[in-house]
Amino acid sequence: MADKDYTVTLTDVQQKALLGNMVSIQDWIDNSIGNKARKCINRYVELSGEGSRMSTDEKKAEIITGMTIETAEDRNKRLGID
């Protein structure tokens, strides 16, 4: 699976305010999304019954790669949530 790039667009006002609170917006974004991904990975690994959050990154990747994970969009459609 190839790495994916995402883009965030901020107004000048948003950027100025954020830079008053943090040294690097990019570092904050990277850390935030990386932490969210880590939590999601651990959740699915534990749900699989094949590993735990203490499993190696390689084992977690193997488990996630082999899983079928319903997307949030598909789940919301199935449940009738807009």
PDB file of N, CA and C in Angstrom:
ATOM      1  N   MET A   1       0.844  -1.166   0.000  1.00  0.00           N
ATOM      2  CA  MET A   1       0.000   0.000   0.000  1.00  0.00           C
ATOM      3  C   MET A   1       0.895   1.237   0.000  1.00  0.00           C
ATOM      4  N   ALA A   2       0.639   2.160  -0.900  1.00  0.00           N
ATOM      5  CA  ALA A   2       1.451   3.371  -1.025  1.00  0.00           C
ATOM      6  C   ALA A   2       1.062   4.408   0.020  1.00  0.00           C
ATOM      7  N   ASP A   3       2.030   5.232   0.385  1.00  0.00           N
ATOM      8  CA  ASP A   3       1.743   6.340   1.299  1.00  0.00           C
ATOM      9  C   ASP A   3       0.783   7.318   0.628  1.00  0.00           C
ATOM     10  N   LYS A   4      -0.009   7.994   1.420  1.00  0.00           N
ATOM     11  CA  LYS A   4      -0.991   8.957   0.915  1.00  0.00           C
ATOM     12  C   LYS A   4      -0.661  10.346   1.445  1.00  0.00           C
ATOM     13  N   ASP A   5      -0.851  11.348   0.612  1.00  0.00           N
ATOM     14  CA  ASP A   5      -0.693  12.745   1.011  1.00  0.00           C
ATOM     15  C   ASP A   5      -2.065  13.389   1.100  1.00  0.00           C
ATOM     16  N   TYR A   6      -2.253  14.227   2.116  1.00  0.00           N
ATOM     17  CA  TYR A   6      -3.482  14.980   2.290  1.00  0.00           C
ATOM     18  C   TYR A   6      -3.128  16.453   2.416  1.00  0.00           C
ATOM     19  N   THR A   7      -4.048  17.308   2.062  1.00  0.00           N
ATOM     20  CA  THR A   7      -3.810  18.738   2.094  1.00  0.00           C
ATOM     21  C   THR A   7      -4.786  19.400   3.056  1.00  0.00           C
ATOM     22  N   VAL A   8      -4.267  20.345   3.823  1.00  0.00           N
ATOM     23  CA  VAL A   8      -5.088  21.156   4.716  1.00  0.00           C
ATOM     24  C   VAL A   8      -4.934  22.599   4.272  1.00  0.00           C
ATOM     25  N   THR A   9      -6.039  23.307   4.139  1.00  0.00           N
ATOM     26  CA  THR A   9      -6.006  24.706   3.732  1.00  0.00           C
ATOM     27  C   THR A   9      -6.432  25.580   4.898  1.00  0.00           C
ATOM     28  N   LEU A  10      -5.599  26.542   5.234  1.00  0.00           N
ATOM     29  CA  LEU A  10      -5.878  27.480   6.314  1.00  0.00           C
ATOM     30  C   LEU A  10      -5.922  28.892   5.783  1.00  0.00           C
ATOM     31  N   THR A  11      -6.753  29.713   6.386  1.00  0.00           N
ATOM     32  CA  THR A  11      -6.725  31.141   6.056  1.00  0.00           C
ATOM     33  C   THR A  11      -5.513  31.763   6.739  1.00  0.00           C
ATOM     34  N   ASP A  12      -5.153  32.970   6.331  1.00  0.00           N
ATOM     35  CA  ASP A  12      -4.047  33.673   6.976  1.00  0.00           C
ATOM     36  C   ASP A  12      -4.329  33.884   8.466  1.00  0.00           C
ATOM     37  N   VAL A  13      -5.575  34.170   8.789  1.00  0.00           N
ATOM     38  CA  VAL A  13      -5.964  34.389  10.187  1.00  0.00           C
ATOM     39  C   VAL A  13      -5.802  33.098  10.992  1.00  0.00           C
ATOM     40  N   GLN A  14      -6.265  31.974  10.443  1.00  0.00           N
ATOM     41  CA  GLN A  14      -6.109  30.693  11.131  1.00  0.00           C
ATOM     42  C   GLN A  14      -4.634  30.366  11.347  1.00  0.00           C
ATOM     43  N   GLN A  15      -3.833  30.558  10.319  1.00  0.00           N
ATOM     44  CA  GLN A  15      -2.402  30.272  10.423  1.00  0.00           C
ATOM     45  C   GLN A  15      -1.747  31.143  11.480  1.00  0.00           C
ATOM     46  N   LYS A  16      -2.040  32.430  11.472  1.00  0.00           N
ATOM     47  CA  LYS A  16      -1.440  33.347  12.443  1.00  0.00           C
ATOM     48  C   LYS A  16      -1.804  32.941  13.869  1.00  0.00           C
ATOM     49  N   ALA A  17      -3.072  32.619  14.082  1.00  0.00           N
ATOM     50  CA  ALA A  17      -3.512  32.213  15.422  1.00  0.00           C
ATOM     51  C   ALA A  17      -2.841  30.916  15.853  1.00  0.00           C
ATOM     52  N   LEU A  18      -2.779  29.943  14.960  1.00  0.00           N
ATOM     53  CA  LEU A  18      -2.154  28.670  15.297  1.00  0.00           C
ATOM     54  C   LEU A  18      -0.670  28.829  15.618  1.00  0.00           C
ATOM     55  N   LEU A  19       0.025  29.677  14.856  1.00  0.00           N
ATOM     56  CA  LEU A  19       1.458  29.857  15.088  1.00  0.00           C
ATOM     57  C   LEU A  19       1.743  30.601  16.391  1.00  0.00           C
ATOM     58  N   GLY A  20       0.719  31.220  16.964  1.00  0.00           N
ATOM     59  CA  GLY A  20       0.858  31.794  18.297  1.00  0.00           C
ATOM     60  C   GLY A  20       0.774  30.729  19.373  1.00  0.00           C
ATOM     61  N   ASN A  21       0.330  29.540  18.983  1.00  0.00           N
ATOM     62  CA  ASN A  21       0.128  28.450  19.934  1.00  0.00           C
ATOM     63  C   ASN A  21       1.098  27.295  19.737  1.00  0.00           C
ATOM     64  N   MET A  22       1.683  27.185  18.551  1.00  0.00           N
ATOM     65  CA  MET A  22       2.568  26.049  18.253  1.00  0.00           C
ATOM     66  C   MET A  22       3.702  26.500  17.354  1.00  0.00           C
ATOM     67  N   VAL A  23       4.813  25.787  17.420  1.00  0.00           N
ATOM     68  CA  VAL A  23       5.985  26.125  16.618  1.00  0.00           C
ATOM     69  C   VAL A  23       5.783  25.732  15.162  1.00  0.00           C
ATOM     70  N   SER A  24       5.177  24.564  14.940  1.00  0.00           N
ATOM     71  CA  SER A  24       5.015  24.048  13.576  1.00  0.00           C
ATOM     72  C   SER A  24       3.632  23.444  13.394  1.00  0.00           C
ATOM     73  N   ILE A  25       2.864  24.014  12.506  1.00  0.00           N
ATOM     74  CA  ILE A  25       1.544  23.468  12.200  1.00  0.00           C
ATOM     75  C   ILE A  25       1.698  22.074  11.594  1.00  0.00           C
ATOM     76  N   GLN A  26       2.653  21.903  10.697  1.00  0.00           N
ATOM     77  CA  GLN A  26       2.863  20.610  10.051  1.00  0.00           C
ATOM     78  C   GLN A  26       3.212  19.531  11.073  1.00  0.00           C
ATOM     79  N   ASP A  27       4.105  19.853  12.022  1.00  0.00           N
ATOM     80  CA  ASP A  27       4.452  18.877  13.057  1.00  0.00           C
ATOM     81  C   ASP A  27       3.224  18.499  13.883  1.00  0.00           C
ATOM     82  N   TRP A  28       2.393  19.485  14.218  1.00  0.00           N
ATOM     83  CA  TRP A  28       1.193  19.211  15.003  1.00  0.00           C
ATOM     84  C   TRP A  28       0.259  18.301  14.225  1.00  0.00           C
ATOM     85  N   ILE A  29       0.056  18.582  12.931  1.00  0.00           N
ATOM     86  CA  ILE A  29      -0.810  17.750  12.093  1.00  0.00           C
ATOM     87  C   ILE A  29      -0.262  16.332  12.027  1.00  0.00           C
ATOM     88  N   ASP A  30       1.038  16.199  11.771  1.00  0.00           N
ATOM     89  CA  ASP A  30       1.659  14.872  11.679  1.00  0.00           C
ATOM     90  C   ASP A  30       1.490  14.094  12.989  1.00  0.00           C
ATOM     91  N   ASN A  31       1.744  14.746  14.110  1.00  0.00           N
ATOM     92  CA  ASN A  31       1.620  14.073  15.408  1.00  0.00           C
ATOM     93  C   ASN A  31       0.173  13.707  15.704  1.00  0.00           C
ATOM     94  N   SER A  32      -0.737  14.606  15.409  1.00  0.00           N
ATOM     95  CA  SER A  32      -2.151  14.372  15.702  1.00  0.00           C
ATOM     96  C   SER A  32      -2.698  13.197  14.900  1.00  0.00           C
ATOM     97  N   ILE A  33      -2.470  13.191  13.606  1.00  0.00           N
ATOM     98  CA  ILE A  33      -3.018  12.127  12.765  1.00  0.00           C
ATOM     99  C   ILE A  33      -2.285  10.815  13.031  1.00  0.00           C
ATOM    100  N   GLY A  34      -0.997  10.901  13.328  1.00  0.00           N
ATOM    101  CA  GLY A  34      -0.245   9.693  13.669  1.00  0.00           C
ATOM    102  C   GLY A  34      -0.772   9.038  14.939  1.00  0.00           C
ATOM    103  N   ASN A  35      -1.110   9.852  15.933  1.00  0.00           N
ATOM    104  CA  ASN A  35      -1.655   9.323  17.183  1.00  0.00           C
ATOM    105  C   ASN A  35      -3.041   8.730  16.962  1.00  0.00           C
ATOM    106  N   LYS A  36      -3.881   9.390  16.169  1.00  0.00           N
ATOM    107  CA  LYS A  36      -5.220   8.860  15.875  1.00  0.00           C
ATOM    108  C   LYS A  36      -5.097   7.525  15.142  1.00  0.00           C
ATOM    109  N   ALA A  37      -4.193   7.446  14.176  1.00  0.00           N
ATOM    110  CA  ALA A  37      -3.986   6.195  13.438  1.00  0.00           C
ATOM    111  C   ALA A  37      -3.518   5.093  14.376  1.00  0.00           C
ATOM    112  N   ARG A  38      -2.601   5.413  15.295  1.00  0.00           N
ATOM    113  CA  ARG A  38      -2.108   4.426  16.260  1.00  0.00           C
ATOM    114  C   ARG A  38      -3.254   3.863  17.098  1.00  0.00           C
ATOM    115  N   LYS A  39      -4.137   4.740  17.566  1.00  0.00           N
ATOM    116  CA  LYS A  39      -5.281   4.305  18.376  1.00  0.00           C
ATOM    117  C   LYS A  39      -6.223   3.417  17.563  1.00  0.00           C
ATOM    118  N   CYS A  40      -6.492   3.795  16.319  1.00  0.00           N
ATOM    119  CA  CYS A  40      -7.368   2.988  15.459  1.00  0.00           C
ATOM    120  C   CYS A  40      -6.740   1.627  15.166  1.00  0.00           C
ATOM    121  N   ILE A  41      -5.465   1.613  14.864  1.00  0.00           N
ATOM    122  CA  ILE A  41      -4.764   0.348  14.606  1.00  0.00           C
ATOM    123  C   ILE A  41      -4.875  -0.560  15.820  1.00  0.00           C
ATOM    124  N   ASN A  42      -4.570  -0.021  16.993  1.00  0.00           N
ATOM    125  CA  ASN A  42      -4.646  -0.836  18.209  1.00  0.00           C
ATOM    126  C   ASN A  42      -6.049  -1.374  18.430  1.00  0.00           C
ATOM    127  N   ARG A  43      -7.060  -0.564  18.182  1.00  0.00           N
ATOM    128  CA  ARG A  43      -8.449  -1.002  18.362  1.00  0.00           C
ATOM    129  C   ARG A  43      -8.772  -2.183  17.449  1.00  0.00           C
ATOM    130  N   TYR A  44      -8.441  -2.054  16.166  1.00  0.00           N
ATOM    131  CA  TYR A  44      -8.751  -3.128  15.219  1.00  0.00           C
ATOM    132  C   TYR A  44      -7.924  -4.378  15.477  1.00  0.00           C
ATOM    133  N   VAL A  45      -6.675  -4.207  15.888  1.00  0.00           N
ATOM    134  CA  VAL A  45      -5.831  -5.362  16.214  1.00  0.00           C
ATOM    135  C   VAL A  45      -6.432  -6.121  17.386  1.00  0.00           C
ATOM    136  N   GLU A  46      -6.880  -5.400  18.408  1.00  0.00           N
ATOM    137  CA  GLU A  46      -7.491  -6.057  19.563  1.00  0.00           C
ATOM    138  C   GLU A  46      -8.818  -6.709  19.192  1.00  0.00           C
ATOM    139  N   LEU A  47      -9.622  -6.037  18.348  1.00  0.00           N
ATOM    140  CA  LEU A  47     -10.896  -6.612  17.911  1.00  0.00           C
ATOM    141  C   LEU A  47     -10.692  -7.890  17.093  1.00  0.00           C
ATOM    142  N   SER A  48      -9.574  -7.977  16.390  1.00  0.00           N
ATOM    143  CA  SER A  48      -9.313  -9.142  15.543  1.00  0.00           C
ATOM    144  C   SER A  48      -9.094 -10.407  16.366  1.00  0.00           C
ATOM    145  N   GLY A  49      -8.660 -10.240  17.606  1.00  0.00           N
ATOM    146  CA  GLY A  49      -8.333 -11.386  18.443  1.00  0.00           C
ATOM    147  C   GLY A  49      -7.003 -12.032  18.084  1.00  0.00           C
ATOM    148  N   GLU A  50      -6.274 -11.425  17.141  1.00  0.00           N
ATOM    149  CA  GLU A  50      -5.002 -11.990  16.686  1.00  0.00           C
ATOM    150  C   GLU A  50      -3.789 -11.296  17.282  1.00  0.00           C
ATOM    151  N   GLY A  51      -4.024 -10.251  18.036  1.00  0.00           N
ATOM    152  CA  GLY A  51      -2.910  -9.514  18.620  1.00  0.00           C
ATOM    153  C   GLY A  51      -3.412  -8.543  19.665  1.00  0.00           C
ATOM    154  N   SER A  52      -2.484  -7.748  20.180  1.00  0.00           N
ATOM    155  CA  SER A  52      -2.828  -6.739  21.173  1.00  0.00           C
ATOM    156  C   SER A  52      -2.054  -5.467  20.855  1.00  0.00           C
ATOM    157  N   ARG A  53      -2.341  -4.416  21.625  1.00  0.00           N
ATOM    158  CA  ARG A  53      -1.608  -3.177  21.385  1.00  0.00           C
ATOM    159  C   ARG A  53      -0.130  -3.336  21.698  1.00  0.00           C
ATOM    160  N   MET A  54       0.219  -4.420  22.362  1.00  0.00           N
ATOM    161  CA  MET A  54       1.617  -4.707  22.680  1.00  0.00           C
ATOM    162  C   MET A  54       2.314  -5.473  21.545  1.00  0.00           C
ATOM    163  N   SER A  55       1.573  -5.855  20.514  1.00  0.00           N
ATOM    164  CA  SER A  55       2.169  -6.558  19.368  1.00  0.00           C
ATOM    165  C   SER A  55       3.153  -5.632  18.660  1.00  0.00           C
ATOM    166  N   THR A  56       4.068  -6.222  17.912  1.00  0.00           N
ATOM    167  CA  THR A  56       5.025  -5.422  17.149  1.00  0.00           C
ATOM    168  C   THR A  56       4.294  -4.673  16.036  1.00  0.00           C
ATOM    169  N   ASP A  57       4.914  -3.609  15.565  1.00  0.00           N
ATOM    170  CA  ASP A  57       4.338  -2.857  14.449  1.00  0.00           C
ATOM    171  C   ASP A  57       4.169  -3.749  13.225  1.00  0.00           C
ATOM    172  N   GLU A  58       5.112  -4.667  13.015  1.00  0.00           N
ATOM    173  CA  GLU A  58       5.036  -5.578  11.878  1.00  0.00           C
ATOM    174  C   GLU A  58       3.829  -6.496  12.002  1.00  0.00           C
ATOM    175  N   LYS A  59       3.592  -7.011  13.208  1.00  0.00           N
ATOM    176  CA  LYS A  59       2.447  -7.894  13.443  1.00  0.00           C
ATOM    177  C   LYS A  59       1.136  -7.120  13.264  1.00  0.00           C
ATOM    178  N   LYS A  60       1.097  -5.900  13.780  1.00  0.00           N
ATOM    179  CA  LYS A  60      -0.099  -5.070  13.626  1.00  0.00           C
ATOM    180  C   LYS A  60      -0.387  -4.804  12.145  1.00  0.00           C
ATOM    181  N   ALA A  61       0.653  -4.483  11.389  1.00  0.00           N
ATOM    182  CA  ALA A  61       0.480  -4.225   9.954  1.00  0.00           C
ATOM    183  C   ALA A  61      -0.041  -5.470   9.247  1.00  0.00           C
ATOM    184  N   GLU A  62       0.471  -6.636   9.619  1.00  0.00           N
ATOM    185  CA  GLU A  62       0.023  -7.901   9.033  1.00  0.00           C
ATOM    186  C   GLU A  62      -1.464  -8.126   9.331  1.00  0.00           C
ATOM    187  N   ILE A  63      -1.860  -7.875  10.561  1.00  0.00           N
ATOM    188  CA  ILE A  63      -3.260  -8.069  10.959  1.00  0.00           C
ATOM    189  C   ILE A  63      -4.173  -7.096  10.215  1.00  0.00           C
ATOM    190  N   ILE A  64      -3.815  -5.818  10.214  1.00  0.00           N
ATOM    191  CA  ILE A  64      -4.653  -4.798   9.563  1.00  0.00           C
ATOM    192  C   ILE A  64      -4.746  -5.060   8.068  1.00  0.00           C
ATOM    193  N   THR A  65      -3.638  -5.423   7.442  1.00  0.00           N
ATOM    194  CA  THR A  65      -3.625  -5.692   6.002  1.00  0.00           C
ATOM    195  C   THR A  65      -4.560  -6.836   5.649  1.00  0.00           C
ATOM    196  N   GLY A  66      -4.640  -7.827   6.516  1.00  0.00           N
ATOM    197  CA  GLY A  66      -5.487  -8.977   6.243  1.00  0.00           C
ATOM    198  C   GLY A  66      -6.944  -8.801   6.618  1.00  0.00           C
ATOM    199  N   MET A  67      -7.266  -7.714   7.277  1.00  0.00           N
ATOM    200  CA  MET A  67      -8.643  -7.492   7.740  1.00  0.00           C
ATOM    201  C   MET A  67      -9.488  -6.783   6.682  1.00  0.00           C
ATOM    202  N   THR A  68     -10.778  -7.049   6.730  1.00  0.00           N
ATOM    203  CA  THR A  68     -11.741  -6.238   5.997  1.00  0.00           C
ATOM    204  C   THR A  68     -12.329  -5.275   7.014  1.00  0.00           C
ATOM    205  N   ILE A  69     -12.097  -3.990   6.805  1.00  0.00           N
ATOM    206  CA  ILE A  69     -12.581  -2.973   7.737  1.00  0.00           C
ATOM    207  C   ILE A  69     -13.608  -2.113   7.017  1.00  0.00           C
ATOM    208  N   GLU A  70     -14.819  -2.100   7.546  1.00  0.00           N
ATOM    209  CA  GLU A  70     -15.880  -1.275   6.976  1.00  0.00           C
ATOM    210  C   GLU A  70     -15.525   0.198   7.186  1.00  0.00           C
ATOM    211  N   THR A  71     -15.625   0.994   6.126  1.00  0.00           N
ATOM    212  CA  THR A  71     -15.339   2.410   6.275  1.00  0.00           C
ATOM    213  C   THR A  71     -16.440   3.085   7.085  1.00  0.00           C
ATOM    214  N   ALA A  72     -16.104   4.191   7.709  1.00  0.00           N
ATOM    215  CA  ALA A  72     -17.099   4.947   8.477  1.00  0.00           C
ATOM    216  C   ALA A  72     -18.222   5.410   7.560  1.00  0.00           C
ATOM    217  N   GLU A  73     -17.881   5.787   6.342  1.00  0.00           N
ATOM    218  CA  GLU A  73     -18.901   6.215   5.375  1.00  0.00           C
ATOM    219  C   GLU A  73     -19.879   5.079   5.078  1.00  0.00           C
ATOM    220  N   ASP A  74     -19.361   3.888   4.825  1.00  0.00           N
ATOM    221  CA  ASP A  74     -20.226   2.736   4.551  1.00  0.00           C
ATOM    222  C   ASP A  74     -21.062   2.366   5.777  1.00  0.00           C
ATOM    223  N   ARG A  75     -20.454   2.433   6.964  1.00  0.00           N
ATOM    224  CA  ARG A  75     -21.187   2.124   8.192  1.00  0.00           C
ATOM    225  C   ARG A  75     -22.340   3.106   8.393  1.00  0.00           C
ATOM    226  N   ASN A  76     -22.066   4.394   8.164  1.00  0.00           N
ATOM    227  CA  ASN A  76     -23.106   5.414   8.325  1.00  0.00           C
ATOM    228  C   ASN A  76     -24.253   5.200   7.330  1.00  0.00           C
ATOM    229  N   LYS A  77     -23.924   4.832   6.101  1.00  0.00           N
ATOM    230  CA  LYS A  77     -24.964   4.531   5.107  1.00  0.00           C
ATOM    231  C   LYS A  77     -25.795   3.354   5.554  1.00  0.00           C
ATOM    232  N   ARG A  78     -25.131   2.302   6.025  1.00  0.00           N
ATOM    233  CA  ARG A  78     -25.832   1.089   6.478  1.00  0.00           C
ATOM    234  C   ARG A  78     -26.767   1.396   7.639  1.00  0.00           C
ATOM    235  N   LEU A  79     -26.340   2.322   8.499  1.00  0.00           N
ATOM    236  CA  LEU A  79     -27.134   2.674   9.669  1.00  0.00           C
ATOM    237  C   LEU A  79     -28.117   3.824   9.416  1.00  0.00           C
ATOM    238  N   GLY A  80     -28.069   4.369   8.204  1.00  0.00           N
ATOM    239  CA  GLY A  80     -28.974   5.468   7.860  1.00  0.00           C
ATOM    240  C   GLY A  80     -28.589   6.788   8.519  1.00  0.00           C
ATOM    241  N   ILE A  81     -27.306   6.975   8.748  1.00  0.00           N
ATOM    242  CA  ILE A  81     -26.815   8.210   9.355  1.00  0.00           C
ATOM    243  C   ILE A  81     -26.257   9.108   8.256  1.00  0.00           C
ATOM    244  N   ASP A  82     -26.673  10.346   8.263  1.00  0.00           N
ATOM    245  CA  ASP A  82     -26.178  11.297   7.245  1.00  0.00           C
ATOM    246  C   ASP A  82     -24.798  11.792   7.563  1.00  0.00           C
TER     247      ASP A  82
END
